[in-house]
Amino acid sequence: MPQFFTNKRLIILLGSIIVLVALIGFSLRDRENLSWPEQFVKDIVGLGQAVVSKPANGFAGFFDEVKDLRNTYEENKELKARIEKTAQLESDVARLKKDNEELRKVIDKKKSLADYEPVQATVIARNPDRWYDVLTIDQGEARGIQPDMAVITAEGLIGKVKNTSKFTSTVQLLSAYDSRNRVSAVIQGKSNVYGVIEGYNQEEKALLMTKVPYDSKVKKGMLVATSGKGGVFPEGLIIGKIKKMVPDEFGLTQTALITPAASFNDLEHVMVTKRSMTTVFPEKAERKQVLVEEGNL
């Protein structure tokens, strides 16, 4: 008797395995319609998932909304602080501008290195082979445009006028590879640091400011602008921000990598700066005096 029950159990086990394998094979084959047991099980599971997922999604959405609300609160707080700082800066700028005008009237000084007249221009041509070198604008000699005048956008300096015709001008970008493409610049801080922009690093996408003293306390993020002392560009035109400092091989000076404030890629509307105050260098003044004495001027 026990032997019979043992065999019976074995037979039942083998039969169950055979049925299970048959069901698995049946369910895995490609069919357009499901069997009614499969449909029943699928509907029950789907209903259970729907019942569970809706409250779960509701709870998850609630916590996401709370997180978003908190982030919005923090962003709003930061924006309010910025607005307050902006209002204070506007007040300071207005006050300093008024003081500057009054002081210039007192000393009877009507011009400064920062004064310039902007001439609006539109980019009308750009060579794909020299995309980061030059472009052409629709203003020229008829509007008083001359070579070496600075060209800017609302974000900052992009280059200078290279040559002109009656109604158009060619602009050389700061990103152009030219050893003569130099800009006298200043790193603004508690103590200004002067140097020369001469070159562009394509890999770093940064301008190169050389001849920075090795002991200068220059930090990442400091603002770089034109110094106005090169005799060409007005003072105070934004160039960019310090990205990092690289010492030269002898350790006597440093080279500053500057992230440009303006994009050299997407350019459409620009301004040419007609400088109000010019600088006469000593060698030019001496040459002029010689010409006067010789009767050639």
Protein backbone atom coordinates (compact mmCIF):
# COMPACT_ATOMS: atom_id res chain seq x y z
CA MET A 1 0.00 0.00 0.00
CA PRO A 2 2.66 2.55 0.84
CA GLN A 3 4.48 1.58 -2.35
CA PHE A 4 1.32 2.31 -4.39
CA PHE A 5 0.91 5.75 -2.86
CA THR A 6 4.55 6.50 -3.54
CA ASN A 7 4.16 5.58 -7.20
CA LYS A 8 0.92 7.55 -7.37
CA ARG A 9 2.64 10.66 -6.12
CA LEU A 10 5.42 10.22 -8.66
CA ILE A 11 2.88 9.81 -11.45
CA ILE A 12 1.03 12.97 -10.33
CA LEU A 13 4.30 14.92 -10.19
CA LEU A 14 5.32 13.80 -13.68
CA GLY A 15 1.87 14.62 -15.03
CA SER A 16 1.99 18.08 -13.46
CA ILE A 17 5.39 18.74 -15.02
CA ILE A 18 4.11 17.63 -18.43
CA VAL A 19 1.04 19.89 -18.15
CA LEU A 20 3.21 22.80 -17.00
CA VAL A 21 5.60 22.39 -19.91
CA ALA A 22 2.65 22.15 -22.31
CA LEU A 23 1.12 25.35 -20.91
CA ILE A 24 4.45 27.16 -21.18
CA GLY A 25 4.87 26.06 -24.77
CA PHE A 26 1.31 27.04 -25.54
CA SER A 27 1.73 30.51 -24.04
CA LEU A 28 5.04 31.20 -25.80
CA ARG A 29 3.89 30.51 -29.34
CA ASP A 30 2.78 33.40 -31.54
CA ARG A 31 -0.97 33.88 -31.36
CA GLU A 32 -3.29 36.69 -32.31
CA ASN A 33 -5.79 35.97 -29.53
CA LEU A 34 -5.20 34.99 -25.90
CA SER A 35 -6.97 32.08 -24.33
CA TRP A 36 -9.72 32.84 -21.81
CA PRO A 37 -7.59 31.78 -18.79
CA GLU A 38 -4.80 34.08 -19.97
CA GLN A 39 -7.26 36.88 -20.52
CA PHE A 40 -8.75 36.32 -17.06
CA VAL A 41 -5.35 36.32 -15.35
CA LYS A 42 -4.18 39.32 -17.35
CA ASP A 43 -7.33 41.29 -16.53
CA ILE A 44 -7.04 40.48 -12.84
CA VAL A 45 -3.35 41.46 -12.76
CA GLY A 46 -4.06 44.64 -14.75
CA LEU A 47 -6.87 45.60 -12.39
CA GLY A 48 -4.61 45.01 -9.40
CA GLN A 49 -1.86 47.10 -10.97
CA ALA A 50 -4.31 49.91 -11.67
CA VAL A 51 -5.62 49.84 -8.10
CA VAL A 52 -2.09 49.92 -6.66
CA SER A 53 -0.49 52.29 -9.17
CA LYS A 54 -2.99 55.15 -8.85
CA PRO A 55 -2.42 55.74 -5.12
CA ALA A 56 1.32 55.14 -5.59
CA ASN A 57 1.50 57.66 -8.41
CA GLY A 58 -0.59 60.05 -6.37
CA PHE A 59 1.82 59.83 -3.44
CA ALA A 60 4.83 60.15 -5.77
CA GLY A 61 3.26 63.14 -7.51
CA PHE A 62 2.54 64.73 -4.13
CA PHE A 63 6.15 64.46 -3.04
CA ASP A 64 7.34 65.72 -6.45
CA GLU A 65 5.05 68.73 -6.12
CA VAL A 66 6.35 69.42 -2.63
CA LYS A 67 9.93 69.20 -3.97
CA ASP A 68 9.09 71.49 -6.90
CA LEU A 69 7.42 73.94 -4.53
CA ARG A 70 10.49 73.97 -2.33
CA ASN A 71 12.76 74.49 -5.35
CA THR A 72 10.49 77.31 -6.54
CA TYR A 73 10.69 78.90 -3.11
CA GLU A 74 14.49 78.74 -3.12
CA GLU A 75 14.70 80.11 -6.69
CA ASN A 76 12.26 82.89 -5.82
CA LYS A 77 14.34 83.77 -2.77
CA GLU A 78 17.52 83.88 -4.86
CA LEU A 79 15.87 85.97 -7.58
CA LYS A 80 14.60 88.45 -5.00
CA ALA A 81 18.12 88.81 -3.64
CA ARG A 82 19.43 89.40 -7.16
CA ILE A 83 16.73 91.98 -7.85
CA GLU A 84 17.64 93.80 -4.65
CA LYS A 85 21.31 93.75 -5.67
CA THR A 86 20.40 94.96 -9.18
CA ALA A 87 18.38 97.83 -7.77
CA GLN A 88 21.29 98.76 -5.52
CA LEU A 89 23.73 98.55 -8.44
CA GLU A 90 21.49 100.76 -10.58
CA SER A 91 21.34 103.27 -7.76
CA ASP A 92 25.13 103.17 -7.36
CA VAL A 93 25.70 103.53 -11.11
CA ALA A 94 23.33 106.52 -11.31
CA ARG A 95 25.02 108.16 -8.32
CA LEU A 96 28.54 107.53 -9.64
CA LYS A 97 27.55 108.77 -13.08
CA LYS A 98 26.21 111.99 -11.59
CA ASP A 99 29.34 112.43 -9.45
CA ASN A 100 31.53 111.75 -12.48
CA GLU A 101 29.73 114.36 -14.57
CA GLU A 102 29.98 116.93 -11.79
CA LEU A 103 33.70 116.25 -11.25
CA ARG A 104 34.41 116.48 -14.97
CA LYS A 105 32.62 119.81 -15.08
CA VAL A 106 34.69 121.03 -12.13
CA ILE A 107 37.99 120.16 -13.84
CA ASP A 108 36.61 121.09 -17.27
CA LYS A 109 37.28 117.63 -18.69
CA LYS A 110 34.79 116.71 -21.37
CA LYS A 111 36.26 113.47 -22.72
CA SER A 112 37.44 110.15 -21.30
CA LEU A 113 38.92 106.93 -22.61
CA ALA A 114 35.56 105.21 -22.14
CA ASP A 115 33.56 107.55 -24.41
CA TYR A 116 32.46 106.30 -27.80
CA GLU A 117 29.64 106.68 -30.32
CA PRO A 118 27.99 103.37 -31.28
CA VAL A 119 27.17 102.74 -34.94
CA GLN A 120 24.58 100.01 -35.50
CA ALA A 121 25.47 97.43 -38.16
CA THR A 122 24.25 94.10 -39.52
CA VAL A 123 26.35 91.12 -40.52
CA ILE A 124 25.75 90.61 -44.27
CA ALA A 125 28.38 88.02 -45.20
CA ARG A 126 30.46 85.32 -43.59
CA ASN A 127 32.81 82.87 -45.26
CA PRO A 128 32.27 79.28 -44.00
CA ASP A 129 36.00 78.58 -44.51
CA ARG A 130 36.90 81.52 -42.27
CA TRP A 131 33.90 81.42 -39.95
CA TYR A 132 35.89 82.32 -36.83
CA ASP A 133 38.22 84.78 -38.59
CA VAL A 134 36.30 87.53 -40.41
CA LEU A 135 32.83 88.75 -41.31
CA THR A 136 31.36 91.62 -43.34
CA ILE A 137 29.00 94.32 -42.04
CA ASP A 138 26.81 96.84 -43.88
CA GLN A 139 28.49 100.03 -42.60
CA GLY A 140 31.61 101.64 -44.02
CA GLU A 141 33.42 104.89 -44.65
CA ALA A 142 30.16 106.72 -45.38
CA ARG A 143 29.27 106.34 -41.69
CA GLY A 144 32.73 107.26 -40.48
CA ILE A 145 33.91 103.70 -39.94
CA GLN A 146 37.70 103.34 -39.90
CA PRO A 147 40.13 100.44 -39.49
CA ASP A 148 40.91 99.29 -35.92
CA MET A 149 37.59 100.47 -34.48
CA ALA A 150 36.22 98.02 -31.90
CA VAL A 151 33.17 95.94 -32.80
CA ILE A 152 30.86 94.73 -30.03
CA THR A 153 27.53 93.02 -29.37
CA ALA A 154 25.22 93.43 -26.41
CA GLU A 155 27.29 90.75 -24.61
CA GLY A 156 30.76 92.16 -25.23
CA LEU A 157 33.71 92.68 -27.58
CA ILE A 158 33.96 90.45 -30.67
CA GLY A 159 36.74 92.06 -32.74
CA LYS A 160 37.84 95.10 -34.71
CA VAL A 161 37.42 96.63 -38.15
CA LYS A 162 40.13 95.28 -40.43
CA ASN A 163 39.45 97.26 -43.62
CA THR A 164 36.66 99.38 -45.04
CA SER A 165 34.98 100.35 -48.30
CA LYS A 166 32.41 103.06 -48.94
CA PHE A 167 29.44 101.11 -47.64
CA THR A 168 30.82 97.92 -46.03
CA SER A 169 33.57 96.86 -43.64
CA THR A 170 35.46 93.67 -42.88
CA VAL A 171 35.61 92.75 -39.20
CA GLN A 172 38.39 90.60 -37.78
CA LEU A 173 37.18 88.51 -34.84
CA LEU A 174 39.13 88.02 -31.63
CA SER A 175 39.15 84.30 -32.42
CA ALA A 176 41.11 84.88 -35.64
CA TYR A 177 44.65 83.48 -35.82
CA ASP A 178 46.76 86.61 -36.38
CA SER A 179 49.86 87.65 -34.44
CA ARG A 180 48.88 91.31 -34.92
CA ASN A 181 45.40 90.78 -33.49
CA ARG A 182 46.06 92.26 -30.04
CA VAL A 183 43.94 94.04 -27.45
CA SER A 184 45.16 95.91 -24.38
CA ALA A 185 43.09 94.49 -21.52
CA VAL A 186 42.66 94.72 -17.76
CA ILE A 187 41.54 92.15 -15.22
CA GLN A 188 39.24 94.05 -12.90
CA GLY A 189 39.62 93.56 -9.17
CA LYS A 190 40.72 95.33 -6.02
CA SER A 191 44.00 95.87 -7.82
CA ASN A 192 43.71 95.94 -11.62
CA VAL A 193 46.00 93.62 -13.57
CA TYR A 194 46.98 94.63 -17.09
CA GLY A 195 47.90 92.41 -20.00
CA VAL A 196 47.44 91.82 -23.73
CA ILE A 197 44.86 89.64 -25.48
CA GLU A 198 46.78 87.92 -28.28
CA GLY A 199 45.44 84.63 -29.50
CA TYR A 200 42.66 82.12 -29.18
CA ASN A 201 42.79 78.53 -27.94
CA GLN A 202 40.43 76.46 -30.10
CA GLU A 203 40.48 73.45 -27.76
CA GLU A 204 39.68 75.48 -24.66
CA LYS A 205 37.39 77.90 -26.56
CA ALA A 206 39.16 80.69 -24.71
CA LEU A 207 41.05 83.89 -25.45
CA LEU A 208 44.67 84.13 -24.33
CA MET A 209 45.80 87.06 -22.21
CA THR A 210 49.57 87.07 -21.93
CA LYS A 211 52.14 89.00 -19.91
CA VAL A 212 50.22 88.71 -16.64
CA PRO A 213 52.67 89.07 -13.72
CA TYR A 214 53.32 85.77 -11.93
CA ASP A 215 52.47 87.22 -8.50
CA SER A 216 49.11 88.68 -9.60
CA LYS A 217 46.19 87.56 -7.48
CA VAL A 218 43.88 86.52 -10.30
CA LYS A 219 40.99 84.17 -9.61
CA LYS A 220 38.54 82.26 -11.76
CA GLY A 221 35.47 84.32 -12.69
CA MET A 222 37.15 87.73 -12.54
CA LEU A 223 35.96 90.15 -15.24
CA VAL A 224 38.22 91.17 -18.13
CA ALA A 225 37.65 94.38 -20.13
CA THR A 226 39.51 96.68 -22.51
CA SER A 227 41.91 99.01 -20.72
CA GLY A 228 41.61 101.90 -23.17
CA LYS A 229 45.38 102.34 -22.99
CA GLY A 230 46.16 100.70 -26.32
CA GLY A 231 45.19 103.84 -28.19
CA VAL A 232 42.60 101.97 -30.27
CA PHE A 233 39.68 100.61 -28.23
CA PRO A 234 37.54 102.53 -25.72
CA GLU A 235 37.95 101.68 -22.06
CA GLY A 236 35.59 99.29 -20.33
CA LEU A 237 34.36 97.08 -23.19
CA ILE A 238 33.59 93.65 -21.72
CA ILE A 239 35.80 90.86 -23.09
CA GLY A 240 34.99 87.91 -20.83
CA LYS A 241 35.78 86.16 -17.55
CA ILE A 242 38.86 84.33 -16.29
CA LYS A 243 38.62 80.59 -16.88
CA LYS A 244 42.01 79.58 -15.49
CA MET A 245 45.63 80.72 -15.18
CA VAL A 246 48.58 78.94 -16.80
CA PRO A 247 52.19 79.83 -15.79
CA ASP A 248 54.78 80.12 -18.55
CA GLU A 249 57.71 77.73 -18.76
CA PHE A 250 60.07 80.11 -16.94
CA GLY A 251 57.59 81.10 -14.22
CA LEU A 252 58.06 84.83 -14.82
CA THR A 253 54.57 85.57 -16.15
CA GLN A 254 51.21 83.86 -16.54
CA THR A 255 48.73 83.38 -19.34
CA ALA A 256 45.07 83.84 -18.55
CA LEU A 257 42.50 81.74 -20.39
CA ILE A 258 39.39 83.88 -20.81
CA THR A 259 35.90 82.66 -21.62
CA PRO A 260 34.56 85.22 -24.14
CA ALA A 261 31.48 87.16 -23.05
CA ALA A 262 30.13 87.24 -26.61
CA SER A 263 29.60 84.30 -28.93
CA PHE A 264 31.70 84.23 -32.12
CA ASN A 265 29.33 81.76 -33.74
CA ASP A 266 25.88 83.36 -33.85
CA LEU A 267 26.39 86.98 -34.93
CA GLU A 268 23.80 89.12 -36.68
CA HIS A 269 23.50 92.57 -35.10
CA VAL A 270 26.68 94.34 -33.97
CA MET A 271 27.91 97.83 -33.07
CA VAL A 272 31.03 99.67 -34.18
CA THR A 273 32.48 101.97 -31.53
CA LYS A 274 33.65 105.36 -32.82
CA ARG A 275 36.02 106.40 -30.07
CA SER A 276 35.70 110.01 -28.90
CA MET A 277 39.17 110.33 -27.38
CA THR A 278 42.29 109.18 -29.21
CA THR A 279 45.76 108.51 -27.89
CA VAL A 280 48.89 109.85 -29.57
CA PHE A 281 51.90 107.68 -28.79
CA PRO A 282 55.26 109.39 -28.20
CA GLU A 283 56.85 107.94 -31.35
CA LYS A 284 53.93 109.19 -33.45
CA ALA A 285 54.14 112.64 -31.88
CA GLU A 286 57.87 112.84 -32.56
CA ARG A 287 57.35 111.77 -36.17
CA LYS A 288 54.66 114.43 -36.60
CA GLN A 289 56.97 117.11 -35.16
CA VAL A 290 59.73 116.13 -37.61
CA LEU A 291 57.35 116.40 -40.55
CA VAL A 292 56.20 119.83 -39.38
CA GLU A 293 59.77 121.06 -39.09
CA GLU A 294 60.62 119.72 -42.54
CA GLY A 295 57.57 121.46 -44.01
CA ASN A 296 55.97 118.20 -45.16
CA LEU A 297 52.88 118.49 -43.01
